[in-house]
């Protein structure tokens, strides 16, 4: 490898790029949550928002050389995994009862 390429790889990516990516991911999650009508798509949008927040936590933890942010991300990921398991179970139960995943056509108070 040439030394110029190695120097390019060793340069740090600015903090603002990570935060911009996190903001874009969070915004896409909000748009997906508000616009989409499929329950699975809404669920994936919520997961995208959680991951955008995790990216911000890891970014600031790296910037401040603190492990607390990464530990917090670990706990958020555990909660997200539990939420995914319970959420998918609820989605399957709703689909079996209603035969649809359209958010507009689901009325959970009536079976």
N, C-alpha and C. Protein backbone atom coordinates (compact mmCIF):
# COMPACT_ATOMS: atom_id res chain seq x y z
N UNK A 1 0.84 -1.19 0.00
CA UNK A 1 0.00 0.00 0.00
C UNK A 1 0.87 1.25 0.00
N UNK A 2 0.37 2.26 -0.62
CA UNK A 2 1.12 3.51 -0.61
C UNK A 2 0.91 4.21 0.73
N UNK A 3 1.86 5.03 1.11
CA UNK A 3 1.78 5.70 2.41
C UNK A 3 0.65 6.73 2.45
N UNK A 4 0.30 7.31 1.30
CA UNK A 4 -0.81 8.26 1.26
C UNK A 4 -2.13 7.60 1.58
N UNK A 5 -2.32 6.38 1.10
CA UNK A 5 -3.55 5.64 1.38
C UNK A 5 -3.64 5.27 2.85
N UNK A 6 -2.53 4.88 3.45
CA UNK A 6 -2.51 4.53 4.86
C UNK A 6 -2.81 5.76 5.71
N UNK A 7 -2.27 6.91 5.33
CA UNK A 7 -2.55 8.13 6.07
C UNK A 7 -4.02 8.50 5.96
N UNK A 8 -4.62 8.26 4.82
CA UNK A 8 -6.04 8.54 4.64
C UNK A 8 -6.88 7.65 5.55
N UNK A 9 -6.47 6.39 5.70
CA UNK A 9 -7.20 5.47 6.56
C UNK A 9 -7.05 5.82 8.03
N UNK A 10 -5.96 6.45 8.41
CA UNK A 10 -5.72 6.76 9.81
C UNK A 10 -6.38 8.06 10.25
N UNK A 11 -6.91 8.84 9.34
CA UNK A 11 -7.55 10.09 9.71
C UNK A 11 -8.88 9.80 10.39
N UNK A 12 -9.20 10.61 11.37
CA UNK A 12 -10.46 10.45 12.10
C UNK A 12 -11.60 11.10 11.33
N UNK A 13 -12.74 10.47 11.39
CA UNK A 13 -13.95 11.04 10.81
C UNK A 13 -14.48 12.06 11.81
N UNK A 14 -14.86 13.24 11.36
CA UNK A 14 -15.33 14.28 12.29
C UNK A 14 -16.59 13.84 13.05
N UNK A 15 -16.71 14.34 14.25
CA UNK A 15 -17.86 14.04 15.10
C UNK A 15 -19.16 14.44 14.44
N UNK A 16 -19.16 15.54 13.72
CA UNK A 16 -20.38 16.03 13.10
C UNK A 16 -20.94 15.07 12.05
N UNK A 17 -20.09 14.31 11.39
CA UNK A 17 -20.56 13.35 10.39
C UNK A 17 -21.37 12.24 11.04
N UNK A 18 -20.89 11.75 12.17
CA UNK A 18 -21.63 10.72 12.90
C UNK A 18 -22.97 11.25 13.40
N UNK A 19 -22.95 12.46 13.92
CA UNK A 19 -24.19 13.04 14.43
C UNK A 19 -25.16 13.35 13.30
N UNK A 20 -24.63 13.75 12.15
CA UNK A 20 -25.50 13.98 10.99
C UNK A 20 -26.12 12.66 10.52
N UNK A 21 -25.33 11.60 10.47
CA UNK A 21 -25.86 10.29 10.10
C UNK A 21 -26.91 9.84 11.09
N UNK A 22 -26.66 10.05 12.37
CA UNK A 22 -27.63 9.69 13.40
C UNK A 22 -28.93 10.48 13.23
N UNK A 23 -28.82 11.76 12.94
CA UNK A 23 -30.02 12.59 12.73
C UNK A 23 -30.80 12.14 11.50
N UNK A 24 -30.09 11.79 10.44
CA UNK A 24 -30.76 11.32 9.22
C UNK A 24 -31.47 10.00 9.48
N UNK A 25 -30.81 9.08 10.17
CA UNK A 25 -31.44 7.80 10.50
C UNK A 25 -32.66 7.99 11.39
N UNK A 26 -32.55 8.86 12.38
CA UNK A 26 -33.68 9.12 13.26
C UNK A 26 -34.83 9.76 12.50
N UNK A 27 -34.52 10.68 11.60
CA UNK A 27 -35.56 11.33 10.79
C UNK A 27 -36.25 10.33 9.88
N UNK A 28 -35.48 9.43 9.28
CA UNK A 28 -36.08 8.39 8.44
C UNK A 28 -36.98 7.48 9.27
N UNK A 29 -36.58 7.20 10.50
CA UNK A 29 -37.43 6.40 11.38
C UNK A 29 -38.73 7.10 11.71
N UNK A 30 -38.66 8.40 11.97
CA UNK A 30 -39.89 9.16 12.26
C UNK A 30 -40.80 9.20 11.04
N UNK A 31 -40.23 9.44 9.87
CA UNK A 31 -41.03 9.47 8.64
C UNK A 31 -41.68 8.12 8.40
N UNK A 32 -40.93 7.04 8.57
CA UNK A 32 -41.49 5.71 8.39
C UNK A 32 -42.58 5.40 9.40
N UNK A 33 -42.40 5.86 10.63
CA UNK A 33 -43.41 5.64 11.66
C UNK A 33 -44.71 6.39 11.36
N UNK A 34 -44.57 7.61 10.86
CA UNK A 34 -45.76 8.44 10.63
C UNK A 34 -46.46 8.14 9.31
N UNK A 35 -45.72 7.72 8.29
CA UNK A 35 -46.30 7.57 6.96
C UNK A 35 -46.75 6.15 6.65
N UNK A 36 -45.96 5.17 7.04
CA UNK A 36 -46.24 3.79 6.64
C UNK A 36 -47.48 3.25 7.35
N UNK A 37 -48.17 2.35 6.68
CA UNK A 37 -49.39 1.77 7.21
C UNK A 37 -49.25 0.29 7.55
N UNK A 38 -48.10 -0.30 7.29
CA UNK A 38 -47.87 -1.69 7.61
C UNK A 38 -47.26 -1.78 9.01
N UNK A 39 -47.78 -2.67 9.82
CA UNK A 39 -47.34 -2.77 11.20
C UNK A 39 -45.87 -3.17 11.31
N UNK A 40 -45.39 -4.03 10.43
CA UNK A 40 -43.99 -4.44 10.47
C UNK A 40 -43.08 -3.27 10.09
N UNK A 41 -43.48 -2.47 9.12
CA UNK A 41 -42.68 -1.30 8.72
C UNK A 41 -42.62 -0.27 9.86
N UNK A 42 -43.72 -0.09 10.55
CA UNK A 42 -43.74 0.81 11.70
C UNK A 42 -42.79 0.29 12.79
N UNK A 43 -42.82 -1.02 13.00
CA UNK A 43 -41.94 -1.65 13.98
C UNK A 43 -40.47 -1.46 13.60
N UNK A 44 -40.14 -1.64 12.33
CA UNK A 44 -38.76 -1.44 11.87
C UNK A 44 -38.35 0.02 11.99
N UNK A 45 -39.27 0.95 11.82
CA UNK A 45 -38.96 2.37 11.97
C UNK A 45 -38.60 2.70 13.42
N UNK A 46 -39.29 2.07 14.35
CA UNK A 46 -38.96 2.28 15.76
C UNK A 46 -37.56 1.75 16.06
N UNK A 47 -37.23 0.58 15.52
CA UNK A 47 -35.90 0.02 15.70
C UNK A 47 -34.82 0.92 15.08
N UNK A 48 -35.13 1.52 13.93
CA UNK A 48 -34.19 2.44 13.29
C UNK A 48 -33.93 3.66 14.16
N UNK A 49 -34.97 4.17 14.81
CA UNK A 49 -34.79 5.30 15.71
C UNK A 49 -33.93 4.91 16.92
N UNK A 50 -34.14 3.72 17.46
CA UNK A 50 -33.31 3.26 18.58
C UNK A 50 -31.85 3.15 18.16
N UNK A 51 -31.59 2.64 16.98
CA UNK A 51 -30.21 2.51 16.52
C UNK A 51 -29.58 3.87 16.23
N UNK A 52 -30.36 4.83 15.80
CA UNK A 52 -29.83 6.18 15.58
C UNK A 52 -29.39 6.79 16.91
N UNK A 53 -30.17 6.59 17.94
CA UNK A 53 -29.79 7.10 19.26
C UNK A 53 -28.55 6.37 19.78
N UNK A 54 -28.47 5.06 19.52
CA UNK A 54 -27.28 4.30 19.92
C UNK A 54 -26.02 4.83 19.23
N UNK A 55 -26.14 5.20 17.96
CA UNK A 55 -24.99 5.77 17.25
C UNK A 55 -24.54 7.07 17.90
N UNK A 56 -25.48 7.88 18.34
CA UNK A 56 -25.12 9.13 19.03
C UNK A 56 -24.41 8.84 20.35
N UNK A 57 -24.92 7.86 21.10
CA UNK A 57 -24.27 7.51 22.37
C UNK A 57 -22.84 7.03 22.15
N UNK A 58 -22.63 6.17 21.18
CA UNK A 58 -21.29 5.65 20.91
C UNK A 58 -20.37 6.77 20.42
N UNK A 59 -20.91 7.67 19.62
CA UNK A 59 -20.11 8.79 19.12
C UNK A 59 -19.61 9.66 20.26
N UNK A 60 -20.51 10.03 21.16
CA UNK A 60 -20.10 10.88 22.28
C UNK A 60 -19.20 10.13 23.25
N UNK A 61 -19.44 8.83 23.44
CA UNK A 61 -18.57 8.06 24.32
C UNK A 61 -17.15 8.00 23.75
N UNK A 62 -17.04 7.86 22.44
CA UNK A 62 -15.70 7.86 21.82
C UNK A 62 -15.06 9.24 21.91
N UNK A 63 -15.84 10.28 21.72
CA UNK A 63 -15.31 11.64 21.75
C UNK A 63 -14.78 11.99 23.14
N UNK A 64 -15.50 11.58 24.18
CA UNK A 64 -15.12 11.94 25.54
C UNK A 64 -14.30 10.85 26.22
N UNK A 65 -13.96 9.79 25.48
CA UNK A 65 -13.16 8.68 26.01
C UNK A 65 -13.78 8.12 27.29
N UNK A 66 -15.09 7.90 27.24
CA UNK A 66 -15.82 7.35 28.38
C UNK A 66 -16.51 6.05 27.96
N UNK A 67 -16.54 5.12 28.86
CA UNK A 67 -17.16 3.83 28.58
C UNK A 67 -18.65 3.85 28.93
N UNK A 68 -19.09 4.85 29.67
CA UNK A 68 -20.48 4.90 30.12
C UNK A 68 -21.47 4.90 28.96
N UNK A 69 -21.16 5.62 27.91
CA UNK A 69 -22.06 5.67 26.76
C UNK A 69 -22.18 4.32 26.08
N UNK A 70 -21.08 3.60 25.98
CA UNK A 70 -21.12 2.28 25.35
C UNK A 70 -21.85 1.27 26.23
N UNK A 71 -21.73 1.40 27.53
CA UNK A 71 -22.47 0.53 28.44
C UNK A 71 -23.96 0.82 28.32
N UNK A 72 -24.32 2.08 28.21
CA UNK A 72 -25.72 2.46 28.05
C UNK A 72 -26.27 1.91 26.73
N UNK A 73 -25.46 1.94 25.68
CA UNK A 73 -25.87 1.38 24.39
C UNK A 73 -26.12 -0.11 24.53
N UNK A 74 -25.29 -0.81 25.30
CA UNK A 74 -25.49 -2.23 25.52
C UNK A 74 -26.85 -2.50 26.16
N UNK A 75 -27.22 -1.69 27.16
CA UNK A 75 -28.51 -1.87 27.81
C UNK A 75 -29.66 -1.51 26.87
N UNK A 76 -29.49 -0.49 26.07
CA UNK A 76 -30.53 -0.14 25.10
C UNK A 76 -30.71 -1.26 24.08
N UNK A 77 -29.61 -1.89 23.67
CA UNK A 77 -29.70 -3.00 22.73
C UNK A 77 -30.40 -4.20 23.37
N UNK A 78 -30.18 -4.44 24.66
CA UNK A 78 -30.88 -5.53 25.34
C UNK A 78 -32.37 -5.25 25.40
N UNK A 79 -32.75 -4.03 25.71
CA UNK A 79 -34.16 -3.66 25.74
C UNK A 79 -34.77 -3.76 24.35
N UNK A 80 -34.03 -3.35 23.33
CA UNK A 80 -34.52 -3.43 21.96
C UNK A 80 -34.71 -4.88 21.53
N UNK A 81 -33.83 -5.77 21.96
CA UNK A 81 -33.99 -7.19 21.61
C UNK A 81 -35.22 -7.76 22.29
N UNK A 82 -35.44 -7.42 23.54
CA UNK A 82 -36.64 -7.89 24.24
C UNK A 82 -37.90 -7.29 23.60
N UNK A 83 -37.81 -6.03 23.24
CA UNK A 83 -38.95 -5.36 22.57
C UNK A 83 -39.22 -6.00 21.22
N UNK A 84 -38.18 -6.40 20.51
CA UNK A 84 -38.37 -7.04 19.21
C UNK A 84 -39.06 -8.38 19.38
N UNK A 85 -38.67 -9.16 20.37
CA UNK A 85 -39.29 -10.45 20.59
C UNK A 85 -40.77 -10.30 20.97
N UNK A 86 -41.05 -9.42 21.91
CA UNK A 86 -42.43 -9.21 22.34
C UNK A 86 -43.24 -8.55 21.22
N UNK A 87 -42.65 -7.59 20.54
CA UNK A 87 -43.35 -6.90 19.46
C UNK A 87 -43.70 -7.83 18.31
N UNK A 88 -42.77 -8.69 17.92
CA UNK A 88 -43.07 -9.63 16.85
C UNK A 88 -44.12 -10.64 17.28
N UNK A 89 -44.12 -11.05 18.54
CA UNK A 89 -45.16 -11.95 19.03
C UNK A 89 -46.53 -11.27 18.96
N UNK A 90 -46.60 -10.00 19.31
CA UNK A 90 -47.86 -9.26 19.23
C UNK A 90 -48.29 -9.10 17.78
N UNK A 91 -47.35 -8.82 16.90
CA UNK A 91 -47.67 -8.67 15.48
C UNK A 91 -48.23 -9.99 14.92
N UNK A 92 -47.62 -11.11 15.29
CA UNK A 92 -48.12 -12.41 14.83
C UNK A 92 -49.52 -12.68 15.38
N UNK A 93 -49.76 -12.34 16.65
CA UNK A 93 -51.08 -12.55 17.24
C UNK A 93 -52.13 -11.68 16.56
N UNK A 94 -51.78 -10.43 16.25
CA UNK A 94 -52.71 -9.54 15.55
C UNK A 94 -52.99 -10.05 14.15
N UNK A 95 -51.96 -10.54 13.47
CA UNK A 95 -52.16 -11.06 12.11
C UNK A 95 -53.05 -12.29 12.13
N UNK A 96 -52.88 -13.15 13.10
CA UNK A 96 -53.73 -14.35 13.18
C UNK A 96 -55.17 -13.99 13.48
N UNK A 97 -55.39 -12.96 14.30
CA UNK A 97 -56.75 -12.57 14.66
C UNK A 97 -57.42 -11.75 13.56
N UNK A 98 -56.67 -10.91 12.86
CA UNK A 98 -57.25 -9.98 11.89
C UNK A 98 -56.98 -10.34 10.43
N UNK A 99 -55.97 -11.15 10.17
CA UNK A 99 -55.54 -11.51 8.81
C UNK A 99 -55.08 -10.29 8.02
N UNK A 100 -54.62 -9.27 8.71
CA UNK A 100 -54.06 -8.09 8.06
C UNK A 100 -53.04 -7.44 9.00
N UNK A 101 -52.11 -6.71 8.40
CA UNK A 101 -51.16 -5.93 9.19
C UNK A 101 -51.29 -4.44 8.93
N UNK A 102 -52.36 -4.04 8.23
CA UNK A 102 -52.59 -2.62 7.96
C UNK A 102 -52.99 -1.93 9.27
N UNK A 103 -52.29 -0.88 9.60
CA UNK A 103 -52.52 -0.18 10.87
C UNK A 103 -53.93 0.42 10.90
N UNK A 104 -54.42 0.89 9.77
CA UNK A 104 -55.74 1.52 9.72
C UNK A 104 -56.87 0.51 9.96
N UNK A 105 -56.64 -0.74 9.65
CA UNK A 105 -57.70 -1.73 9.73
C UNK A 105 -57.66 -2.55 11.02
N UNK A 106 -56.75 -2.23 11.91
CA UNK A 106 -56.62 -2.99 13.16
C UNK A 106 -57.31 -2.21 14.27
N UNK A 107 -58.30 -2.84 14.89
CA UNK A 107 -58.95 -2.28 16.06
C UNK A 107 -58.76 -3.29 17.18
N UNK A 108 -57.84 -3.04 18.07
CA UNK A 108 -57.47 -4.02 19.07
C UNK A 108 -58.50 -4.22 20.16
N UNK A 109 -59.47 -3.34 20.28
CA UNK A 109 -60.46 -3.48 21.33
C UNK A 109 -61.56 -4.46 20.97
N UNK A 110 -61.69 -4.77 19.70
CA UNK A 110 -62.73 -5.70 19.24
C UNK A 110 -62.08 -6.93 18.64
N UNK A 111 -62.54 -8.09 19.00
CA UNK A 111 -62.06 -9.32 18.37
C UNK A 111 -63.18 -9.89 17.63
